[in-house]
Amino acid sequence: MLIKMVKSLGCAYGCGEGHRGLSGDRLRMQAQNCLTNLYKLDKLQFRQTMRDYVNKDSLNNIVDFLHALLGFCMEPITNSKCL
């Protein structure tokens, strides 16, 4: 469920239909905090769940999730536009 929420929020830099602004940033921070807390609660289960997600879902969905979570489209080295 949390992965779907992160994907629906989209990239913090406004790629695609992502939510920009203070409310989107706040929700992204809460989602990151939830992921961090889940990891801290049970590291082995969290890792296994993420492995299962990566193994079972499509590459496109995985990249969309990581893009929304990490915002890697704005790497300072490339200085290119969003994917």
Foldseek 3Di string as FASTA:
>chain_A
DLLVVLLQQFAQVCPDNHDYDDVSVVVLVVSVVVLVVVCVVPVVVSVVVVVCCVVPDDPVSVVSSCCSNPVVQCPVVVNDHRD
